[in-house]
């Protein structure tokens, strides 16, 4: 399978196509590398469509994504990409142990996402979870996370409010220092 061609072959990209590409990419590290090349491609549509499969592949086999976490983190600050690329990057990061050398950059990006009203809601929700996970390693960010959630609740969507309430409850239950 030529992954790039498969990503672009139809006008409408379906879940079935994304799943087929994911399965193929997960068959070997070489095929996964080809998918990652599409994910980081400058072509808007190629990167957008590859993002879905990269996210699914990371859930299926976290070992495949680990060597590329630096590339995933770089996607967080790209402004010329479809929001799906950023959304799937943060989705991946909420489920994995982020290497220490990338944690600061991830925290900065996630705080920026949740502070900007124009950020798509799914990106905000995944950013909240990522920050909550990092707060276990960095209890000093708990107060900032809590304050932002509480201050944004009135002006956010139901998805943000729901995720925010769950995180506030988990922070309270964990009695993390600073809460």
N, C-alpha and C. Protein backbone atom coordinates (compact mmCIF):
# COMPACT_ATOMS: atom_id res chain seq x y z
N UNK A 1 0.85 -1.19 0.00
CA UNK A 1 0.00 0.00 0.00
C UNK A 1 0.89 1.25 0.00
N UNK A 2 0.55 2.17 -0.84
CA UNK A 2 1.18 3.48 -0.80
C UNK A 2 0.29 4.35 0.11
N UNK A 3 0.78 4.65 1.31
CA UNK A 3 -0.04 5.34 2.29
C UNK A 3 -0.50 6.72 1.79
N UNK A 4 0.41 7.47 1.21
CA UNK A 4 0.06 8.80 0.71
C UNK A 4 -1.06 8.72 -0.32
N UNK A 5 -0.93 7.80 -1.26
CA UNK A 5 -1.97 7.64 -2.28
C UNK A 5 -3.29 7.21 -1.64
N UNK A 6 -3.21 6.30 -0.69
CA UNK A 6 -4.43 5.83 -0.02
C UNK A 6 -5.13 6.97 0.73
N UNK A 7 -4.34 7.87 1.32
CA UNK A 7 -4.93 9.00 2.04
C UNK A 7 -5.68 9.93 1.10
N UNK A 8 -5.22 10.04 -0.13
CA UNK A 8 -5.80 11.01 -1.08
C UNK A 8 -6.72 10.40 -2.13
N UNK A 9 -6.88 9.08 -2.13
CA UNK A 9 -7.57 8.44 -3.24
C UNK A 9 -9.04 8.81 -3.38
N UNK A 10 -9.73 9.12 -2.30
CA UNK A 10 -11.16 9.46 -2.39
C UNK A 10 -11.40 10.89 -1.95
N UNK A 11 -12.44 11.46 -2.50
CA UNK A 11 -12.79 12.84 -2.13
C UNK A 11 -13.17 12.93 -0.66
N UNK A 12 -13.91 11.93 -0.19
CA UNK A 12 -14.32 11.89 1.22
C UNK A 12 -13.50 10.80 1.90
N UNK A 13 -12.95 11.15 3.05
CA UNK A 13 -12.12 10.20 3.81
C UNK A 13 -12.99 9.57 4.88
N UNK A 14 -13.05 8.24 4.91
CA UNK A 14 -13.96 7.54 5.80
C UNK A 14 -13.21 6.83 6.93
N UNK A 15 -13.97 6.45 7.94
CA UNK A 15 -13.40 5.69 9.06
C UNK A 15 -12.82 4.37 8.55
N UNK A 16 -13.48 3.75 7.61
CA UNK A 16 -12.98 2.49 7.06
C UNK A 16 -11.60 2.68 6.43
N UNK A 17 -11.42 3.77 5.70
CA UNK A 17 -10.11 4.06 5.10
C UNK A 17 -9.07 4.31 6.20
N UNK A 18 -9.43 5.11 7.18
CA UNK A 18 -8.50 5.42 8.27
C UNK A 18 -8.09 4.15 8.99
N UNK A 19 -9.03 3.27 9.23
CA UNK A 19 -8.75 2.02 9.93
C UNK A 19 -7.86 1.11 9.09
N UNK A 20 -8.11 1.04 7.79
CA UNK A 20 -7.28 0.22 6.91
C UNK A 20 -5.84 0.74 6.89
N UNK A 21 -5.68 2.04 6.82
CA UNK A 21 -4.35 2.64 6.82
C UNK A 21 -3.67 2.41 8.17
N UNK A 22 -4.43 2.54 9.24
CA UNK A 22 -3.88 2.29 10.58
C UNK A 22 -3.36 0.86 10.68
N UNK A 23 -4.18 -0.09 10.27
CA UNK A 23 -3.80 -1.51 10.34
C UNK A 23 -2.52 -1.76 9.53
N UNK A 24 -2.48 -1.21 8.34
CA UNK A 24 -1.29 -1.38 7.50
C UNK A 24 -0.07 -0.74 8.14
N UNK A 25 -0.21 0.48 8.64
CA UNK A 25 0.91 1.20 9.26
C UNK A 25 1.42 0.49 10.51
N UNK A 26 0.53 -0.17 11.23
CA UNK A 26 0.93 -0.89 12.45
C UNK A 26 1.59 -2.22 12.15
N UNK A 27 1.63 -2.61 10.89
CA UNK A 27 2.20 -3.91 10.54
C UNK A 27 3.72 -3.94 10.65
N UNK A 28 4.35 -2.77 10.61
CA UNK A 28 5.81 -2.75 10.76
C UNK A 28 6.27 -1.32 11.07
N UNK A 29 7.41 -1.19 11.73
CA UNK A 29 7.95 0.15 11.99
C UNK A 29 8.22 0.93 10.71
N UNK A 30 8.58 0.23 9.64
CA UNK A 30 8.84 0.91 8.36
C UNK A 30 7.56 1.53 7.81
N UNK A 31 6.47 0.78 7.88
CA UNK A 31 5.19 1.31 7.38
C UNK A 31 4.70 2.45 8.28
N UNK A 32 4.94 2.31 9.58
CA UNK A 32 4.52 3.39 10.49
C UNK A 32 5.32 4.66 10.20
N UNK A 33 6.59 4.50 9.88
CA UNK A 33 7.41 5.67 9.53
C UNK A 33 6.84 6.39 8.31
N UNK A 34 6.35 5.64 7.35
CA UNK A 34 5.74 6.24 6.15
C UNK A 34 4.47 7.02 6.52
N UNK A 35 3.70 6.48 7.46
CA UNK A 35 2.51 7.20 7.94
C UNK A 35 2.93 8.49 8.64
N UNK A 36 3.97 8.41 9.45
CA UNK A 36 4.45 9.62 10.15
C UNK A 36 4.96 10.66 9.17
N UNK A 37 5.55 10.24 8.08
CA UNK A 37 5.98 11.20 7.06
C UNK A 37 4.78 11.94 6.49
N UNK A 38 3.68 11.25 6.33
CA UNK A 38 2.45 11.89 5.85
C UNK A 38 1.88 12.83 6.91
N UNK A 39 1.95 12.41 8.16
CA UNK A 39 1.45 13.22 9.28
C UNK A 39 2.19 14.55 9.39
N UNK A 40 3.46 14.56 9.08
CA UNK A 40 4.26 15.79 9.17
C UNK A 40 4.40 16.49 7.82
N UNK A 41 3.72 16.00 6.82
CA UNK A 41 3.78 16.55 5.47
C UNK A 41 3.27 18.00 5.43
N UNK A 42 3.81 18.77 4.55
CA UNK A 42 3.37 20.17 4.39
C UNK A 42 2.03 20.26 3.67
N UNK A 43 1.65 19.21 2.98
CA UNK A 43 0.36 19.19 2.29
C UNK A 43 -0.75 19.10 3.34
N UNK A 44 -1.57 20.10 3.34
CA UNK A 44 -2.65 20.26 4.33
C UNK A 44 -3.53 19.02 4.44
N UNK A 45 -4.00 18.53 3.30
CA UNK A 45 -4.93 17.40 3.28
C UNK A 45 -4.25 16.09 3.68
N UNK A 46 -3.03 15.88 3.24
CA UNK A 46 -2.30 14.66 3.59
C UNK A 46 -2.11 14.57 5.10
N UNK A 47 -1.64 15.66 5.70
CA UNK A 47 -1.40 15.67 7.15
C UNK A 47 -2.72 15.50 7.91
N UNK A 48 -3.77 16.18 7.45
CA UNK A 48 -5.07 16.08 8.11
C UNK A 48 -5.55 14.63 8.15
N UNK A 49 -5.52 13.96 7.04
CA UNK A 49 -6.02 12.59 6.98
C UNK A 49 -5.10 11.61 7.70
N UNK A 50 -3.82 11.83 7.62
CA UNK A 50 -2.88 10.93 8.31
C UNK A 50 -3.04 11.03 9.82
N UNK A 51 -3.43 12.20 10.31
CA UNK A 51 -3.55 12.42 11.76
C UNK A 51 -4.50 11.41 12.41
N UNK A 52 -5.59 11.11 11.76
CA UNK A 52 -6.56 10.16 12.30
C UNK A 52 -5.92 8.79 12.49
N UNK A 53 -5.22 8.33 11.47
CA UNK A 53 -4.58 7.01 11.55
C UNK A 53 -3.43 6.99 12.54
N UNK A 54 -2.68 8.08 12.64
CA UNK A 54 -1.59 8.14 13.62
C UNK A 54 -2.15 8.01 15.03
N UNK A 55 -3.24 8.71 15.30
CA UNK A 55 -3.86 8.65 16.62
C UNK A 55 -4.35 7.23 16.93
N UNK A 56 -5.01 6.60 15.97
CA UNK A 56 -5.48 5.23 16.17
C UNK A 56 -4.31 4.27 16.36
N UNK A 57 -3.25 4.45 15.60
CA UNK A 57 -2.08 3.58 15.70
C UNK A 57 -1.41 3.73 17.07
N UNK A 58 -1.36 4.96 17.57
CA UNK A 58 -0.75 5.20 18.89
C UNK A 58 -1.54 4.50 19.99
N UNK A 59 -2.85 4.43 19.83
CA UNK A 59 -3.67 3.72 20.80
C UNK A 59 -3.46 2.21 20.70
N UNK A 60 -3.32 1.71 19.49
CA UNK A 60 -3.13 0.27 19.28
C UNK A 60 -1.76 -0.20 19.75
N UNK A 61 -0.73 0.61 19.48
CA UNK A 61 0.63 0.19 19.77
C UNK A 61 1.48 1.41 20.12
N UNK A 62 1.53 1.72 21.40
CA UNK A 62 2.23 2.93 21.86
C UNK A 62 3.72 2.86 21.54
N UNK A 63 4.27 1.67 21.41
CA UNK A 63 5.70 1.54 21.09
C UNK A 63 6.03 2.16 19.73
N UNK A 64 5.08 2.11 18.81
CA UNK A 64 5.34 2.68 17.49
C UNK A 64 5.48 4.20 17.54
N UNK A 65 4.71 4.87 18.38
CA UNK A 65 4.71 6.33 18.41
C UNK A 65 5.86 6.90 19.23
N UNK A 66 6.36 6.14 20.18
CA UNK A 66 7.40 6.66 21.10
C UNK A 66 8.58 7.32 20.38
N UNK A 67 9.16 6.72 19.34
CA UNK A 67 10.30 7.37 18.69
C UNK A 67 9.94 8.69 18.00
N UNK A 68 8.65 8.94 17.82
CA UNK A 68 8.20 10.11 17.08
C UNK A 68 7.54 11.17 17.96
N UNK A 69 7.66 11.03 19.26
CA UNK A 69 6.98 11.96 20.16
C UNK A 69 7.46 13.40 19.96
N UNK A 70 8.71 13.58 19.63
CA UNK A 70 9.21 14.93 19.33
C UNK A 70 8.48 15.53 18.14
N UNK A 71 8.22 14.72 17.13
CA UNK A 71 7.47 15.17 15.95
C UNK A 71 6.02 15.48 16.31
N UNK A 72 5.44 14.65 17.16
CA UNK A 72 4.06 14.89 17.59
C UNK A 72 3.98 16.22 18.33
N UNK A 73 4.92 16.48 19.21
CA UNK A 73 4.92 17.73 19.98
C UNK A 73 5.12 18.93 19.06
N UNK A 74 5.94 18.79 18.03
CA UNK A 74 6.14 19.89 17.08
C UNK A 74 4.83 20.28 16.40
N UNK A 75 3.95 19.32 16.21
CA UNK A 75 2.68 19.60 15.55
C UNK A 75 1.80 20.56 16.37
N UNK A 76 2.02 20.60 17.67
CA UNK A 76 1.19 21.44 18.55
C UNK A 76 1.31 22.93 18.22
N UNK A 77 2.45 23.33 17.70
CA UNK A 77 2.68 24.75 17.44
C UNK A 77 2.59 25.14 15.97
N UNK A 78 2.25 24.17 15.13
CA UNK A 78 2.11 24.49 13.70
C UNK A 78 0.78 25.20 13.48
N UNK A 79 0.84 26.33 12.82
CA UNK A 79 -0.39 27.08 12.57
C UNK A 79 -0.92 26.85 11.15
N UNK A 80 -0.11 26.24 10.31
CA UNK A 80 -0.51 26.06 8.92
C UNK A 80 -1.13 24.68 8.66
N UNK A 81 -1.51 24.00 9.73
CA UNK A 81 -2.08 22.66 9.57
C UNK A 81 -3.56 22.67 9.92
N UNK A 82 -4.24 21.67 9.45
CA UNK A 82 -5.65 21.47 9.79
C UNK A 82 -5.75 21.21 11.29
N UNK A 83 -6.79 21.70 11.96
CA UNK A 83 -6.95 21.44 13.40
C UNK A 83 -6.93 19.95 13.76
N UNK A 84 -7.25 19.08 12.82
CA UNK A 84 -7.21 17.64 13.08
C UNK A 84 -5.81 17.18 13.45
N UNK A 85 -4.79 17.81 12.88
CA UNK A 85 -3.41 17.43 13.18
C UNK A 85 -3.10 17.76 14.64
N UNK A 86 -3.48 18.96 15.06
CA UNK A 86 -3.24 19.37 16.45
C UNK A 86 -4.11 18.53 17.39
N UNK A 87 -5.38 18.36 17.04
CA UNK A 87 -6.30 17.59 17.89
C UNK A 87 -5.78 16.18 18.12
N UNK A 88 -5.37 15.50 17.07
CA UNK A 88 -4.89 14.13 17.22
C UNK A 88 -3.53 14.07 17.92
N UNK A 89 -2.73 15.11 17.78
CA UNK A 89 -1.46 15.17 18.52
C UNK A 89 -1.73 15.23 20.02
N UNK A 90 -2.64 16.10 20.43
CA UNK A 90 -2.95 16.22 21.86
C UNK A 90 -3.68 14.97 22.35
N UNK A 91 -4.49 14.38 21.50
CA UNK A 91 -5.17 13.13 21.87
C UNK A 91 -4.13 12.05 22.20
N UNK A 92 -3.09 11.96 21.39
CA UNK A 92 -2.02 10.99 21.64
C UNK A 92 -1.35 11.29 22.98
N UNK A 93 -1.03 12.56 23.20
CA UNK A 93 -0.27 12.94 24.40
C UNK A 93 -1.04 12.73 25.70
N UNK A 94 -2.37 12.75 25.63
CA UNK A 94 -3.14 12.55 26.86
C UNK A 94 -3.09 11.11 27.35
N UNK A 95 -2.64 10.19 26.50
CA UNK A 95 -2.66 8.77 26.85
C UNK A 95 -1.29 8.17 27.11
N UNK A 96 -0.23 8.96 27.03
CA UNK A 96 1.10 8.37 27.14
C UNK A 96 1.94 9.08 28.19
N UNK A 97 3.03 8.45 28.55
CA UNK A 97 4.01 9.09 29.42
C UNK A 97 4.90 9.95 28.53
N UNK A 98 4.83 11.24 28.72
CA UNK A 98 5.58 12.19 27.91
C UNK A 98 7.01 12.26 28.45
N UNK A 99 8.00 12.11 27.58
CA UNK A 99 9.38 12.20 28.05
C UNK A 99 9.66 13.56 28.70
N UNK A 100 10.49 13.54 29.71
CA UNK A 100 10.77 14.74 30.49
C UNK A 100 11.21 15.92 29.62
N UNK A 101 12.01 15.65 28.61
CA UNK A 101 12.53 16.74 27.79
C UNK A 101 11.44 17.43 26.95
N UNK A 102 10.29 16.82 26.82
CA UNK A 102 9.18 17.40 26.05
C UNK A 102 8.08 17.98 26.94
N UNK A 103 8.12 17.70 28.23
CA UNK A 103 7.03 18.08 29.12
C UNK A 103 6.79 19.58 29.19
N UNK A 104 7.84 20.38 29.24
CA UNK A 104 7.67 21.83 29.32
C UNK A 104 6.99 22.39 28.09
N UNK A 105 7.42 21.94 26.93
CA UNK A 105 6.83 22.41 25.67
C UNK A 105 5.36 21.98 25.57
N UNK A 106 5.07 20.78 26.02
CA UNK A 106 3.68 20.29 26.00
C UNK A 106 2.82 21.11 26.96
N UNK A 107 3.32 21.37 28.16
CA UNK A 107 2.56 22.18 29.12
C UNK A 107 2.26 23.57 28.56
N UNK A 108 3.27 24.21 27.99
CA UNK A 108 3.07 25.55 27.41
C UNK A 108 1.99 25.52 26.33
N UNK A 109 2.10 24.56 25.43
CA UNK A 109 1.13 24.47 24.34
C UNK A 109 -0.28 24.21 24.88
N UNK A 110 -0.40 23.31 25.83
CA UNK A 110 -1.73 22.97 26.37
C UNK A 110 -2.35 24.14 27.14
N UNK A 111 -1.55 24.85 27.92
CA UNK A 111 -2.09 26.03 28.60
C UNK A 111 -2.54 27.07 27.57
N UNK A 112 -1.77 27.24 26.50
CA UNK A 112 -2.17 28.18 25.45
C UNK A 112 -3.49 27.76 24.80
N UNK A 113 -3.65 26.48 24.56
CA UNK A 113 -4.89 25.99 23.94
C UNK A 113 -6.11 26.32 24.81
N UNK A 114 -6.01 26.04 26.10
CA UNK A 114 -7.20 26.21 26.94
C UNK A 114 -7.48 27.68 27.26
N UNK A 115 -6.49 28.53 27.10
CA UNK A 115 -6.70 29.96 27.37
C UNK A 115 -7.29 30.70 26.18
N UNK A 116 -7.15 30.16 24.97
CA UNK A 116 -7.62 30.85 23.77
C UNK A 116 -9.07 30.44 23.46
N UNK A 117 -9.97 31.40 23.45
CA UNK A 117 -11.36 31.08 23.14
C UNK A 117 -11.56 30.43 21.77
N UNK A 118 -10.73 30.74 20.80
CA UNK A 118 -10.91 30.22 19.44
C UNK A 118 -10.43 28.78 19.26
N UNK A 119 -9.76 28.22 20.24
CA UNK A 119 -9.27 26.85 20.12
C UNK A 119 -10.45 25.89 20.04
N UNK A 120 -10.46 24.98 19.06
CA UNK A 120 -11.55 23.99 18.98
C UNK A 120 -11.70 23.21 20.28
N UNK A 121 -12.93 22.88 20.63
CA UNK A 121 -13.24 22.30 21.93
C UNK A 121 -12.54 20.96 22.17
N UNK A 122 -12.42 20.12 21.16
CA UNK A 122 -11.77 18.82 21.37
C UNK A 122 -10.30 19.01 21.74
N UNK A 123 -9.65 19.98 21.13
CA UNK A 123 -8.25 20.27 21.47
C UNK A 123 -8.17 20.71 22.93
N UNK A 124 -9.11 21.56 23.35
CA UNK A 124 -9.12 22.01 24.74
C UNK A 124 -9.34 20.85 25.70
N UNK A 125 -10.26 19.98 25.37
CA UNK A 125 -10.57 18.85 26.26
C UNK A 125 -9.35 17.94 26.40
N UNK A 126 -8.69 17.62 25.30
CA UNK A 126 -7.50 16.77 25.37
C UNK A 126 -6.36 17.50 26.10
N UNK A 127 -6.26 18.80 25.90
CA UNK A 127 -5.23 19.59 26.58
C UNK A 127 -5.46 19.58 28.09
N UNK A 128 -6.72 19.68 28.52
CA UNK A 128 -7.03 19.63 29.95
C UNK A 128 -6.57 18.31 30.56
N UNK A 129 -6.86 17.22 29.88
CA UNK A 129 -6.46 15.90 30.39
C UNK A 129 -4.94 15.77 30.42
N UNK A 130 -4.29 16.25 29.38
CA UNK A 130 -2.83 16.20 29.34
C UNK A 130 -2.23 16.99 30.49
N UNK A 131 -2.76 18.19 30.74
CA UNK A 131 -2.27 19.00 31.85
C UNK A 131 -2.55 18.34 33.19
N UNK A 132 -3.72 17.75 33.33
CA UNK A 132 -4.02 17.04 34.58
C UNK A 132 -3.00 15.93 34.81
N UNK A 133 -2.71 15.16 33.76
CA UNK A 133 -1.72 14.08 33.89
C UNK A 133 -0.35 14.63 34.29
N UNK A 134 0.03 15.75 33.69
CA UNK A 134 1.33 16.35 34.01
C UNK A 134 1.34 16.97 35.41
N UNK A 135 0.17 17.34 35.92
CA UNK A 135 0.11 17.93 37.26
C UNK A 135 0.52 16.92 38.34
N UNK A 136 0.45 15.66 38.03
CA UNK A 136 0.91 14.64 38.97
C UNK A 136 2.43 14.68 39.12
N UNK A 137 3.11 15.09 38.05
CA UNK A 137 4.56 15.23 38.08
C UNK A 137 4.99 16.63 38.52
N UNK A 138 4.13 17.59 38.22
CA UNK A 138 4.42 19.00 38.51
C UNK A 138 3.27 19.60 39.31
N UNK A 139 3.20 19.33 40.60
CA UNK A 139 2.09 19.83 41.41
C UNK A 139 2.01 21.36 41.41
N UNK A 140 3.08 22.03 41.05
CA UNK A 140 3.07 23.49 41.02
C UNK A 140 2.15 24.05 39.93
N UNK A 141 1.72 23.23 38.96
CA UNK A 141 0.80 23.73 37.94
C UNK A 141 -0.67 23.54 38.32
N UNK A 142 -0.92 22.85 39.42
CA UNK A 142 -2.30 22.55 39.82
C UNK A 142 -3.12 23.82 40.00
N UNK A 143 -2.59 24.79 40.73
CA UNK A 143 -3.36 26.02 40.97
C UNK A 143 -3.70 26.75 39.67
N UNK A 144 -2.74 26.82 38.76
CA UNK A 144 -2.98 27.48 37.47
C UNK A 144 -4.04 26.73 36.67
N UNK A 145 -3.94 25.41 36.64
CA UNK A 145 -4.92 24.60 35.92
C UNK A 145 -6.30 24.79 36.52
N UNK A 146 -6.39 24.70 37.82
CA UNK A 146 -7.66 24.87 38.51
C UNK A 146 -8.27 26.25 38.24
N UNK A 147 -7.46 27.29 38.33
CA UNK A 147 -7.93 28.65 38.11
C UNK A 147 -8.44 28.84 36.69
N UNK A 148 -7.70 28.35 35.73
CA UNK A 148 -8.12 28.50 34.33
C UNK A 148 -9.44 27.77 34.10
N UNK A 149 -9.55 26.56 34.59
CA UNK A 149 -10.80 25.80 34.41
C UNK A 149 -11.97 26.58 35.02
N UNK A 150 -11.81 27.02 36.25
CA UNK A 150 -12.90 27.73 36.93
C UNK A 150 -13.25 29.03 36.22
N UNK A 151 -12.25 29.77 35.75
CA UNK A 151 -12.50 31.04 35.07
C UNK A 151 -13.11 30.87 33.69
N UNK A 152 -12.84 29.78 33.01
CA UNK A 152 -13.32 29.58 31.64
C UNK A 152 -14.70 28.90 31.59
N UNK A 153 -15.12 28.28 32.67
CA UNK A 153 -16.37 27.48 32.68
C UNK A 153 -17.58 28.21 32.10
N UNK A 154 -17.78 29.44 32.48
CA UNK A 154 -18.98 30.17 32.05
C UNK A 154 -19.01 30.45 30.56
N UNK A 155 -17.85 30.51 29.94
CA UNK A 155 -17.78 30.89 28.53
C UNK A 155 -17.43 29.74 27.60
N UNK A 156 -17.46 28.54 28.12
CA UNK A 156 -17.04 27.40 27.32
C UNK A 156 -18.21 26.48 26.98
N UNK A 157 -17.91 25.52 26.12
CA UNK A 157 -18.91 24.56 25.67
C UNK A 157 -19.17 23.51 26.76
N UNK A 158 -20.20 22.74 26.54
CA UNK A 158 -20.55 21.67 27.48
C UNK A 158 -19.41 20.65 27.61
N UNK A 159 -18.72 20.38 26.53
CA UNK A 159 -17.61 19.41 26.57
C UNK A 159 -16.48 19.91 27.48
N UNK A 160 -16.15 21.20 27.39
CA UNK A 160 -15.11 21.77 28.25
C UNK A 160 -15.57 21.72 29.70
N UNK A 161 -16.80 22.12 29.94
CA UNK A 161 -17.33 22.15 31.31
C UNK A 161 -17.32 20.74 31.90
N UNK A 162 -17.76 19.76 31.13
CA UNK A 162 -17.78 18.39 31.62
C UNK A 162 -16.38 17.90 31.96
N UNK A 163 -15.45 18.09 31.05
CA UNK A 163 -14.07 17.65 31.30
C UNK A 163 -13.46 18.44 32.46
N UNK A 164 -13.73 19.74 32.49
CA UNK A 164 -13.21 20.58 33.56
C UNK A 164 -13.71 20.14 34.93
N UNK A 165 -15.00 19.84 35.04
CA UNK A 165 -15.56 19.38 36.31
C UNK A 165 -14.93 18.07 36.77
N UNK A 166 -14.74 17.16 35.83
CA UNK A 166 -14.12 15.87 36.18
C UNK A 166 -12.70 16.09 36.69
N UNK A 167 -11.98 16.97 36.05
CA UNK A 167 -10.60 17.23 36.46
C UNK A 167 -10.56 17.92 37.82
N UNK A 168 -11.44 18.90 38.01
CA UNK A 168 -11.49 19.56 39.32
C UNK A 168 -11.82 18.56 40.42
N UNK A 169 -12.74 17.65 40.14
CA UNK A 169 -13.10 16.62 41.12
C UNK A 169 -11.90 15.71 41.41
N UNK A 170 -11.19 15.30 40.37
CA UNK A 170 -10.02 14.43 40.55
C UNK A 170 -8.92 15.15 41.31
N UNK A 171 -8.77 16.43 41.06
CA UNK A 171 -7.76 17.22 41.81
C UNK A 171 -8.13 17.27 43.28
N UNK A 172 -9.39 17.46 43.54
CA UNK A 172 -9.86 17.53 44.94
C UNK A 172 -9.67 16.18 45.62
N UNK A 173 -10.04 15.11 44.93
CA UNK A 173 -9.94 13.77 45.51
C UNK A 173 -8.50 13.34 45.75
N UNK A 174 -7.61 13.75 44.87
CA UNK A 174 -6.22 13.36 45.03
C UNK A 174 -5.49 14.17 46.07
N UNK A 175 -6.14 15.26 46.51
CA UNK A 175 -5.55 16.15 47.52
C UNK A 175 -4.11 16.50 47.15
N UNK A 176 -3.95 16.78 45.86
CA UNK A 176 -2.65 17.19 45.35
C UNK A 176 -2.23 18.47 46.06
N UNK A 177 -0.99 18.58 46.47
CA UNK A 177 -0.53 19.82 47.10
C UNK A 177 -0.83 21.02 46.22
N UNK A 178 -1.31 22.07 46.81
CA UNK A 178 -1.63 23.29 46.05
C UNK A 178 -3.09 23.43 45.75
N UNK A 179 -3.89 22.40 46.00
CA UNK A 179 -5.32 22.48 45.71
C UNK A 179 -6.06 23.07 46.89
